[in-house]
């Protein structure tokens, strides 16, 4: 019997989950065993999972789970350096040369476990089968607007928090923008046809911001891209990958630009492929903006778990996309799971 163990997220400000109680019930009906760790922070209550038939485990006990259990979470594991002997499903951020990712791969090598990275669950055409992209873009554009509004007050963006739903978020943001008594800024979204870009453009449009939508056709010439610097806000909605053009070079911190806020929703600053070269670390919920220039101001927003600001919407959306793939876990060495394993094997061996 396939055994899926849903761990509690250990990261602060992380309330999302990748499966709903309804999903648990469907997997159980198909013959799968599901264990869910208790978590007071998860947006869906432990009691709902128990009613759906899940076994309930104490928070953080996944290291002692049966050897054949498949451990399922979203964000990173506790960074305690311990070898990993289970099969893990999560976003590992380990295949683009990231320093923390190299540590994670070493833990898998030492323990003999395996990573099935959610980012690399792909269909036959190489498209992701499940993604948080829409809500990442939506929340990322929202925080970028908060950064711009704070600048108008002579401040830097204050800490951010989760919202009960998207309407609470947009109401709060509209009030902040109206309080500036200024015309709405101009924004450009690169990657506008993808999930992330659509989410960002939708949020900006709801708030009355004029949006320039770019995608592959507009960036195919490889740069430079002075049009990006001519907007007040730039939202990067493409993943860092080999061959990606540089949208904002290091010298863009100088004068002669309208650009005041960069919302790097893709948020991969330690990758050599990052298209934004003016910053080198992620930002946080407590400090959402990194100020990289003073004259004129330029702030970078690069929070790497943006969908957690709307944990209910993002969890329900993602879980619905992922459930048909989870239902294939009894064939974990084939199909999209087999493809994800092959990518892990190649990187963990250093090939």
Protein backbone atom coordinates (compact mmCIF):
# COMPACT_ATOMS: atom_id res chain seq x y z
CA UNK A 1 0.00 0.00 0.00
CA UNK A 2 1.36 3.43 -0.97
CA UNK A 3 1.75 5.58 2.14
CA UNK A 4 1.68 9.37 1.77
CA UNK A 5 2.85 11.29 4.86
CA UNK A 6 1.85 14.99 4.83
CA UNK A 7 4.29 16.82 7.10
CA UNK A 8 3.60 20.05 8.95
CA UNK A 9 5.43 23.00 7.43
CA UNK A 10 8.25 24.21 9.66
CA UNK A 11 8.82 27.56 7.99
CA UNK A 12 7.38 30.67 9.62
CA UNK A 13 4.56 32.41 7.73
CA UNK A 14 3.69 29.18 5.93
CA UNK A 15 0.06 28.13 6.25
CA UNK A 16 -0.40 26.39 2.89
CA UNK A 17 -0.91 22.71 2.26
CA UNK A 18 -0.75 20.66 -0.93
CA UNK A 19 -3.76 18.40 -0.37
CA UNK A 20 -7.27 19.02 0.94
CA UNK A 21 -9.37 16.70 3.12
CA UNK A 22 -11.42 15.92 0.03
CA UNK A 23 -8.22 14.89 -1.71
CA UNK A 24 -7.29 12.68 1.21
CA UNK A 25 -10.66 10.93 0.99
CA UNK A 26 -10.18 10.28 -2.72
CA UNK A 27 -6.70 8.83 -2.23
CA UNK A 28 -7.93 6.61 0.58
CA UNK A 29 -10.82 5.39 -1.58
CA UNK A 30 -8.23 4.44 -4.20
CA UNK A 31 -6.37 2.30 -1.65
CA UNK A 32 -3.70 4.70 -0.41
CA UNK A 33 -2.78 5.26 3.22
CA UNK A 34 -2.51 8.94 4.20
CA UNK A 35 -0.96 10.31 7.38
CA UNK A 36 -1.26 14.03 8.16
CA UNK A 37 0.81 15.71 10.85
CA UNK A 38 -1.00 17.98 13.25
CA UNK A 39 -0.32 21.68 12.65
CA UNK A 40 -1.84 24.69 14.42
CA UNK A 41 -0.72 26.95 11.57
CA UNK A 42 -2.13 25.10 8.56
CA UNK A 43 -5.01 26.93 6.88
CA UNK A 44 -7.08 23.72 6.94
CA UNK A 45 -7.68 22.19 10.35
CA UNK A 46 -6.30 18.84 11.45
CA UNK A 47 -9.82 17.81 12.45
CA UNK A 48 -10.98 18.12 8.83
CA UNK A 49 -8.25 15.69 7.75
CA UNK A 50 -9.17 13.27 10.53
CA UNK A 51 -12.80 13.31 9.41
CA UNK A 52 -11.62 12.51 5.88
CA UNK A 53 -9.95 9.36 7.18
CA UNK A 54 -6.32 10.43 7.52
CA UNK A 55 -4.14 9.03 10.27
CA UNK A 56 -3.00 11.95 12.45
CA UNK A 57 0.63 12.17 13.60
CA UNK A 58 2.43 14.55 15.93
CA UNK A 59 3.93 17.60 14.24
CA UNK A 60 7.50 17.08 13.07
CA UNK A 61 7.60 13.30 13.45
CA UNK A 62 8.17 12.57 9.77
CA UNK A 63 11.85 11.59 10.32
CA UNK A 64 10.55 8.54 12.23
CA UNK A 65 7.94 7.65 9.61
CA UNK A 66 8.09 4.15 8.12
CA UNK A 67 10.91 3.83 5.59
CA UNK A 68 8.48 3.29 2.72
CA UNK A 69 6.42 6.41 3.50
CA UNK A 70 6.59 9.22 0.95
CA UNK A 71 7.01 12.52 2.81
CA UNK A 72 5.02 15.38 1.27
CA UNK A 73 5.48 19.05 2.08
CA UNK A 74 5.80 22.32 0.22
CA UNK A 75 8.66 24.44 1.52
CA UNK A 76 12.10 23.56 2.84
CA UNK A 77 12.91 21.07 5.58
CA UNK A 78 14.53 22.11 8.85
CA UNK A 79 18.16 22.85 8.00
CA UNK A 80 19.72 20.60 10.60
CA UNK A 81 22.07 18.77 8.25
CA UNK A 82 20.67 15.32 9.01
CA UNK A 83 20.86 12.68 6.24
CA UNK A 84 17.55 12.09 4.44
CA UNK A 85 16.55 8.50 3.83
CA UNK A 86 12.90 8.91 2.81
CA UNK A 87 11.47 9.80 -0.55
CA UNK A 88 10.39 13.46 -0.34
CA UNK A 89 7.96 15.53 -2.38
CA UNK A 90 8.52 19.31 -2.04
CA UNK A 91 9.92 22.39 -3.71
CA UNK A 92 13.63 21.72 -3.23
CA UNK A 93 15.21 24.66 -5.12
CA UNK A 94 18.28 22.48 -5.59
CA UNK A 95 18.86 22.10 -9.33
CA UNK A 96 20.11 25.54 -10.39
CA UNK A 97 23.28 25.72 -8.32
CA UNK A 98 21.69 27.36 -5.27
CA UNK A 99 24.01 27.05 -2.23
CA UNK A 100 21.25 25.79 0.09
CA UNK A 101 20.21 23.36 -2.61
CA UNK A 102 23.67 21.84 -2.69
CA UNK A 103 23.42 21.20 1.04
CA UNK A 104 20.04 19.54 0.51
CA UNK A 105 21.43 17.27 -2.21
CA UNK A 106 24.29 16.27 0.08
CA UNK A 107 21.79 15.25 2.75
CA UNK A 108 20.02 13.03 0.21
CA UNK A 109 23.33 11.50 -0.91
CA UNK A 110 24.26 10.72 2.69
CA UNK A 111 20.89 9.23 3.58
CA UNK A 112 20.04 7.45 0.34
CA UNK A 113 16.67 9.17 -0.02
CA UNK A 114 15.25 10.89 -3.08
CA UNK A 115 13.66 14.23 -3.99
CA UNK A 116 10.65 14.43 -6.28
CA UNK A 117 10.66 18.16 -6.86
CA UNK A 118 7.21 19.67 -7.38
CA UNK A 119 8.67 22.21 -9.80
CA UNK A 120 9.72 19.35 -12.10
CA UNK A 121 6.47 17.39 -12.28
CA UNK A 122 5.95 17.86 -16.01
CA UNK A 123 3.60 16.64 -18.71
CA UNK A 124 4.76 15.17 -22.02
CA UNK A 125 5.24 18.67 -23.44
CA UNK A 126 7.40 19.84 -20.53
CA UNK A 127 4.69 21.94 -18.86
CA UNK A 128 4.27 21.93 -15.10
CA UNK A 129 1.34 19.84 -13.95
CA UNK A 130 0.66 21.95 -10.85
CA UNK A 131 1.84 25.39 -9.82
CA UNK A 132 1.11 28.16 -7.33
CA UNK A 133 1.95 30.66 -10.03
CA UNK A 134 -1.30 32.62 -10.30
CA UNK A 135 -1.45 33.46 -6.59
CA UNK A 136 2.29 34.09 -6.43
CA UNK A 137 1.86 36.70 -9.15
CA UNK A 138 -1.24 38.16 -7.52
CA UNK A 139 0.43 38.52 -4.11
CA UNK A 140 3.77 39.61 -5.60
CA UNK A 141 2.15 42.46 -7.50
CA UNK A 142 0.30 43.44 -4.32
CA UNK A 143 3.47 43.67 -2.23
CA UNK A 144 5.20 45.56 -5.06
CA UNK A 145 2.41 48.14 -4.96
CA UNK A 146 2.82 48.35 -1.19
CA UNK A 147 6.50 49.09 -1.76
CA UNK A 148 5.64 51.89 -4.18
CA UNK A 149 3.06 53.38 -1.81
CA UNK A 150 5.56 53.32 1.05
CA UNK A 151 8.10 55.18 -1.08
CA UNK A 152 5.57 57.97 -1.63
CA UNK A 153 5.37 58.36 2.14
CA UNK A 154 9.16 58.58 2.37
CA UNK A 155 9.33 55.10 3.91
CA UNK A 156 10.24 51.55 3.02
CA UNK A 157 7.62 48.81 2.89
CA UNK A 158 6.57 47.66 6.37
CA UNK A 159 6.07 44.00 7.29
CA UNK A 160 3.37 42.08 5.45
CA UNK A 161 0.97 39.42 6.66
CA UNK A 162 -1.44 36.79 5.42
CA UNK A 163 -5.01 37.74 4.48
CA UNK A 164 -8.20 35.79 5.01
CA UNK A 165 -9.03 36.15 1.33
CA UNK A 166 -8.13 38.14 -1.78
CA UNK A 167 -10.86 40.73 -1.16
CA UNK A 168 -9.33 41.74 2.17
CA UNK A 169 -6.00 42.13 0.41
CA UNK A 170 -7.29 44.32 -2.40
CA UNK A 171 -9.33 46.49 -0.01
CA UNK A 172 -6.24 47.13 2.13
CA UNK A 173 -4.11 47.88 -0.88
CA UNK A 174 -6.65 50.21 -2.48
CA UNK A 175 -6.74 52.26 0.72
CA UNK A 176 -2.94 52.51 0.77
CA UNK A 177 -2.81 53.67 -2.83
CA UNK A 178 -5.64 56.17 -2.41
CA UNK A 179 -3.87 57.64 0.60
CA UNK A 180 -0.96 58.73 -1.59
CA UNK A 181 -3.29 61.12 -3.52
CA UNK A 182 -1.22 60.32 -6.61
CA UNK A 183 -1.95 58.90 -10.02
CA UNK A 184 -1.49 55.16 -10.07
CA UNK A 185 2.03 54.03 -11.14
CA UNK A 186 2.74 52.38 -14.50
CA UNK A 187 3.72 48.73 -14.41
CA UNK A 188 5.22 46.20 -16.80
CA UNK A 189 4.82 42.45 -16.39
CA UNK A 190 7.29 40.19 -18.22
CA UNK A 191 5.96 36.68 -18.64
CA UNK A 192 2.41 38.00 -18.85
CA UNK A 193 0.98 34.95 -20.63
CA UNK A 194 1.99 32.51 -17.89
CA UNK A 195 0.22 31.75 -14.60
CA UNK A 196 2.42 34.13 -12.60
CA UNK A 197 2.06 36.93 -15.10
CA UNK A 198 -1.70 36.58 -15.34
CA UNK A 199 -2.04 36.74 -11.57
CA UNK A 200 0.14 39.86 -11.37
CA UNK A 201 -1.66 41.61 -14.23
CA UNK A 202 -5.07 40.79 -12.73
CA UNK A 203 -4.16 42.32 -9.37
CA UNK A 204 -2.67 45.43 -10.96
CA UNK A 205 -5.69 45.91 -13.22
CA UNK A 206 -8.09 45.53 -10.28
CA UNK A 207 -6.28 48.41 -8.58
CA UNK A 208 -6.45 50.70 -11.62
CA UNK A 209 -2.78 50.35 -12.62
CA UNK A 210 -1.98 50.56 -16.32
CA UNK A 211 -0.16 47.34 -17.25
CA UNK A 212 2.22 46.68 -20.14
CA UNK A 213 2.13 42.95 -20.83
CA UNK A 214 5.26 41.37 -22.30
CA UNK A 215 6.01 37.79 -23.07
CA UNK A 216 8.47 35.81 -25.20
CA UNK A 217 7.93 37.82 -28.38
CA UNK A 218 8.89 41.10 -26.74
CA UNK A 219 12.05 39.70 -25.10
CA UNK A 220 13.25 37.44 -27.92
CA UNK A 221 15.91 39.92 -29.10
CA UNK A 222 17.78 39.34 -25.82
CA UNK A 223 18.07 42.94 -24.64
CA UNK A 224 18.86 45.48 -23.50
CA UNK A 225 15.35 46.47 -22.40
CA UNK A 226 15.12 50.23 -21.74
CA UNK A 227 11.32 49.94 -21.78
CA UNK A 228 11.45 48.15 -18.42
CA UNK A 229 13.36 51.03 -16.86
CA UNK A 230 10.73 53.46 -18.19
CA UNK A 231 8.00 51.97 -15.97
CA UNK A 232 7.51 52.66 -12.27
CA UNK A 233 7.09 48.98 -11.37
CA UNK A 234 8.51 45.87 -13.03
CA UNK A 235 7.13 42.42 -12.22
CA UNK A 236 9.38 39.53 -13.25
CA UNK A 237 7.21 36.48 -13.89
CA UNK A 238 9.64 34.18 -15.66
CA UNK A 239 11.71 31.44 -14.06
CA UNK A 240 15.48 31.73 -14.08
CA UNK A 241 16.87 29.23 -16.57
CA UNK A 242 19.84 28.90 -18.93
CA UNK A 243 19.63 31.39 -21.76
CA UNK A 244 17.29 33.78 -19.97
CA UNK A 245 17.99 37.40 -20.95
CA UNK A 246 19.00 39.99 -18.36
CA UNK A 247 16.06 42.32 -17.80
CA UNK A 248 17.67 44.59 -15.19
CA UNK A 249 21.48 44.77 -15.36
CA UNK A 250 23.63 45.74 -12.39
CA UNK A 251 24.18 49.26 -13.74
CA UNK A 252 20.42 49.97 -13.65
CA UNK A 253 20.81 51.25 -10.07
CA UNK A 254 22.10 54.50 -11.56
CA UNK A 255 20.05 57.59 -12.43
CA UNK A 256 18.03 58.12 -15.59
CA UNK A 257 15.24 55.61 -14.92
CA UNK A 258 11.62 55.80 -13.92
CA UNK A 259 11.80 52.34 -12.34
CA UNK A 260 11.24 52.45 -8.58
CA UNK A 261 10.14 48.92 -7.63
CA UNK A 262 11.12 45.48 -8.92
CA UNK A 263 8.83 42.65 -7.95
CA UNK A 264 10.86 39.51 -8.61
CA UNK A 265 8.12 36.95 -8.16
CA UNK A 266 10.30 34.18 -9.65
CA UNK A 267 12.77 35.04 -6.89
CA UNK A 268 15.95 33.12 -7.64
CA UNK A 269 18.70 35.69 -6.87
CA UNK A 270 21.44 33.15 -6.12
CA UNK A 271 21.09 31.43 -9.48
CA UNK A 272 23.55 32.41 -12.20
CA UNK A 273 20.56 32.55 -14.55
CA UNK A 274 18.69 35.25 -12.63
CA UNK A 275 17.50 37.98 -15.05
CA UNK A 276 17.74 40.67 -12.36
CA UNK A 277 21.29 41.61 -11.41
CA UNK A 278 20.77 44.40 -8.86
CA UNK A 279 20.27 42.20 -5.78
CA UNK A 280 21.61 38.96 -4.31
CA UNK A 281 19.24 37.75 -1.59
CA UNK A 282 15.58 37.14 -0.97
CA UNK A 283 13.46 39.50 1.07
CA UNK A 284 11.17 38.46 3.91
CA UNK A 285 7.72 39.07 5.36
CA UNK A 286 9.31 41.20 8.10
CA UNK A 287 11.40 43.18 5.60
CA UNK A 288 9.66 42.87 2.20
CA UNK A 289 11.78 45.44 0.37
CA UNK A 290 15.51 45.55 -0.21
CA UNK A 291 16.63 49.08 -1.09
CA UNK A 292 19.31 48.83 -3.76
CA UNK A 293 19.53 52.50 -4.82
CA UNK A 294 18.83 55.88 -3.26
CA UNK A 295 19.01 58.38 -6.10
CA UNK A 296 16.44 57.75 -7.36
CA UNK A 297 14.97 55.12 -5.05
CA UNK A 298 14.87 51.51 -6.19
CA UNK A 299 13.44 48.73 -4.04
CA UNK A 300 13.38 45.01 -4.79
CA UNK A 301 10.61 42.75 -3.49
CA UNK A 302 11.69 39.08 -3.63
CA UNK A 303 9.70 37.03 -1.12
CA UNK A 304 9.93 33.34 -1.97
CA UNK A 305 6.63 32.12 -0.51
CA UNK A 306 4.25 34.79 -1.79
CA UNK A 307 1.19 32.53 -2.21
CA UNK A 308 1.18 32.09 1.58
CA UNK A 309 -0.27 35.59 1.84
CA UNK A 310 -3.46 34.05 0.46
CA UNK A 311 -3.14 30.59 1.96
CA UNK A 312 -6.69 29.38 1.46
CA UNK A 313 -7.10 30.34 -2.19
CA UNK A 314 -3.62 29.19 -3.12
CA UNK A 315 -3.92 25.87 -1.27
CA UNK A 316 -7.31 24.98 -2.78
CA UNK A 317 -6.15 25.90 -6.27
CA UNK A 318 -2.85 24.03 -6.06
CA UNK A 319 -4.31 20.95 -4.39
CA UNK A 320 -6.90 20.61 -7.14
CA UNK A 321 -4.16 20.71 -9.79
CA UNK A 322 -1.91 18.25 -7.96
CA UNK A 323 -4.44 15.63 -6.87
CA UNK A 324 -4.53 13.71 -10.19
CA UNK A 325 -0.72 13.47 -10.02
CA UNK A 326 -0.74 12.30 -6.40
CA UNK A 327 -3.17 9.61 -7.47
CA UNK A 328 -0.35 8.18 -9.61
CA UNK A 329 2.01 7.66 -6.65
CA UNK A 330 1.51 3.90 -6.88
CA UNK A 331 3.53 4.24 -10.10
CA UNK A 332 6.16 6.58 -8.67
CA UNK A 333 8.96 5.39 -10.94
CA UNK A 334 6.92 6.09 -14.10
CA UNK A 335 5.21 9.05 -15.73
CA UNK A 336 5.73 12.52 -14.21
CA UNK A 337 7.08 11.07 -10.96
CA UNK A 338 9.65 9.04 -12.86
CA UNK A 339 10.66 12.15 -14.79
CA UNK A 340 11.14 14.12 -11.58
CA UNK A 341 13.22 11.27 -10.12
CA UNK A 342 15.45 11.19 -13.19
CA UNK A 343 16.18 14.91 -12.80
CA UNK A 344 17.07 14.37 -9.14
CA UNK A 345 19.30 11.39 -9.92
CA UNK A 346 21.21 13.42 -12.48
CA UNK A 347 21.86 16.28 -10.08
CA UNK A 348 22.55 14.26 -6.96
CA UNK A 349 25.23 12.33 -8.85
CA UNK A 350 26.79 15.57 -10.10
CA UNK A 351 26.15 14.82 -13.75
